[in-house]
Amino acid sequence: MWHYSSNVASFIAGDFMQGQCHPALGDERTSYGRGGGGYGRSGYGGGFRSEGPKPVEVGKEYDVTITESSRRGDGVAKIDGFVIFVTGGKQGEKTRIKITQVGPRFASATIVGTASQDTT
C-alpha cells in the first residue's frame, strides 16, 4: 500500500497553496480572455475591435438594415462591424436609427424612421 509521508504532503500542499506548483493556476499567465489569442474576445470571428474610435456617436442618426434578432428580442445591426442593438427592430427591416448609448463593444439605438433607398 502506497502513502505520503506527512513531510511530503505538507510540502506539496504548501507549494500548491502559494501558487508555486502550477504557474497557470498560481499567477494566471494564460492568454485566454486577455487579448492574446485563443478563443478569447479578440481572437476569432473578425468584427469590431474595442480599441480606438467607434464608428457611431450618441445622438447621430444612421440608415441600417437589421440583420438578426438578439436574445432579448431587439434588432441587431452593424456599422463597420460594430454591433448596434436596436429597440423594436425586426430582422430584414431597413430603418433609420438614432444612437442612444455607445459602449466599448456595442451601441444601443432607437428607430426614428425608414431608411433611404441605398441602405446596405
Protein backbone atom coordinates (compact mmCIF):
# COMPACT_ATOMS: atom_id res chain seq x y z
CA MET A 1 0.00 0.00 0.00
CA TRP A 2 1.35 3.39 -1.05
CA HIS A 3 1.06 6.56 1.11
CA TYR A 4 2.50 10.05 1.54
CA SER A 5 4.68 10.92 4.47
CA SER A 6 3.48 13.95 6.40
CA ASN A 7 6.53 15.98 5.29
CA VAL A 8 5.90 15.34 1.59
CA ALA A 9 2.18 16.10 1.90
CA SER A 10 2.78 19.38 3.72
CA PHE A 11 5.47 20.38 1.18
CA ILE A 12 3.12 19.74 -1.76
CA ALA A 13 0.17 21.45 -0.08
CA GLY A 14 2.32 24.43 0.90
CA ASP A 15 3.70 24.95 -2.61
CA PHE A 16 0.30 24.49 -4.20
CA MET A 17 -1.35 26.98 -1.85
CA GLN A 18 1.34 29.56 -2.63
CA GLY A 19 0.88 29.10 -6.37
CA GLN A 20 4.35 27.66 -6.97
CA CYS A 21 3.37 24.21 -8.19
CA HIS A 22 1.46 25.20 -11.31
CA PRO A 23 2.07 28.66 -12.80
CA ALA A 24 -1.21 28.66 -14.76
CA LEU A 25 -3.12 28.23 -11.51
CA GLY A 26 -0.94 30.43 -9.37
CA ASP A 27 -0.48 33.63 -11.32
CA GLU A 28 -2.84 33.30 -14.28
CA ARG A 29 -0.34 33.69 -17.10
CA THR A 30 -2.66 32.23 -19.71
CA SER A 31 -3.71 34.28 -22.73
CA TYR A 32 -7.40 33.37 -22.66
CA GLY A 33 -9.58 36.44 -22.36
CA ARG A 34 -6.64 38.83 -22.23
CA GLY A 35 -6.38 39.67 -25.91
CA GLY A 36 -3.55 37.25 -26.55
CA GLY A 37 -5.35 34.89 -28.92
CA GLY A 38 -7.08 31.60 -28.29
CA TYR A 39 -10.82 31.71 -28.01
CA GLY A 40 -10.91 34.98 -26.06
CA ARG A 41 -12.78 38.07 -27.14
CA SER A 42 -10.27 39.34 -29.65
CA GLY A 43 -9.15 36.19 -31.46
CA TYR A 44 -11.54 34.73 -33.96
CA GLY A 45 -14.55 35.87 -35.92
CA GLY A 46 -13.44 39.26 -37.16
CA GLY A 47 -15.80 42.06 -36.26
CA PHE A 48 -15.04 45.28 -34.46
CA ARG A 49 -12.10 45.72 -32.11
CA SER A 50 -12.97 47.65 -28.97
CA GLU A 51 -9.84 49.82 -29.06
CA GLY A 52 -9.89 53.17 -30.82
CA PRO A 53 -12.73 55.38 -32.04
CA LYS A 54 -16.19 53.91 -32.57
CA PRO A 55 -17.92 54.20 -35.97
CA VAL A 56 -21.06 55.69 -34.33
CA GLU A 57 -21.76 58.59 -31.96
CA VAL A 58 -24.52 59.23 -29.42
CA GLY A 59 -27.27 61.41 -30.86
CA LYS A 60 -26.40 60.81 -34.52
CA GLU A 61 -28.72 59.06 -36.98
CA TYR A 62 -27.76 56.25 -39.36
CA ASP A 63 -29.52 54.17 -42.03
CA VAL A 64 -29.15 50.44 -41.31
CA THR A 65 -30.57 47.04 -42.12
CA ILE A 66 -31.49 44.87 -39.15
CA THR A 67 -29.62 41.63 -39.84
CA GLU A 68 -30.73 39.48 -36.89
CA SER A 69 -32.57 39.42 -33.57
CA SER A 70 -30.94 39.44 -30.16
CA ARG A 71 -31.85 37.05 -27.34
CA ARG A 72 -33.88 39.85 -25.76
CA GLY A 73 -35.83 40.44 -28.96
CA ASP A 74 -34.11 43.63 -30.09
CA GLY A 75 -32.88 44.00 -33.65
CA VAL A 76 -29.17 43.77 -34.35
CA ALA A 77 -27.46 45.94 -36.97
CA LYS A 78 -23.79 46.54 -37.68
CA ILE A 79 -21.88 49.56 -38.91
CA ASP A 80 -18.30 48.77 -39.92
CA GLY A 81 -18.54 45.56 -37.85
CA PHE A 82 -19.66 47.44 -34.70
CA VAL A 83 -22.79 45.88 -33.17
CA ILE A 84 -25.84 48.06 -32.54
CA PHE A 85 -28.88 46.78 -30.61
CA VAL A 86 -32.00 48.44 -32.00
CA THR A 87 -35.02 48.56 -29.70
CA GLY A 88 -38.07 47.24 -31.56
CA GLY A 89 -36.12 46.36 -34.71
CA LYS A 90 -37.15 43.33 -36.77
CA GLN A 91 -34.85 41.16 -38.87
CA GLY A 92 -34.74 42.31 -42.50
CA GLU A 93 -36.07 45.79 -41.71
CA LYS A 94 -34.33 48.77 -43.36
CA THR A 95 -34.62 51.68 -40.99
CA ARG A 96 -33.14 54.93 -39.74
CA ILE A 97 -31.85 54.73 -36.15
CA LYS A 98 -30.64 57.21 -33.54
CA ILE A 99 -27.79 56.10 -31.28
CA THR A 100 -28.72 56.41 -27.59
CA GLN A 101 -25.66 54.83 -25.96
CA VAL A 102 -22.17 53.74 -27.05
CA GLY A 103 -20.10 51.24 -25.10
CA PRO A 104 -16.72 49.61 -25.74
CA ARG A 105 -18.19 46.65 -27.68
CA PHE A 106 -21.68 47.69 -28.78
CA ALA A 107 -24.16 50.55 -29.03
CA SER A 108 -27.90 50.91 -28.40
CA ALA A 109 -30.33 52.76 -30.65
CA THR A 110 -33.99 53.52 -31.29
CA ILE A 111 -35.85 53.63 -34.59
CA VAL A 112 -36.63 57.15 -35.83
CA GLY A 113 -37.94 56.43 -39.34
CA THR A 114 -37.48 54.49 -42.54
CA ALA A 115 -34.12 54.26 -44.25
CA SER A 116 -33.21 55.90 -47.53
CA GLN A 117 -33.21 53.69 -50.65
CA ASP A 118 -29.47 52.95 -50.71
CA THR A 119 -29.13 51.30 -47.26
CA THR A 120 -26.72 48.31 -47.28
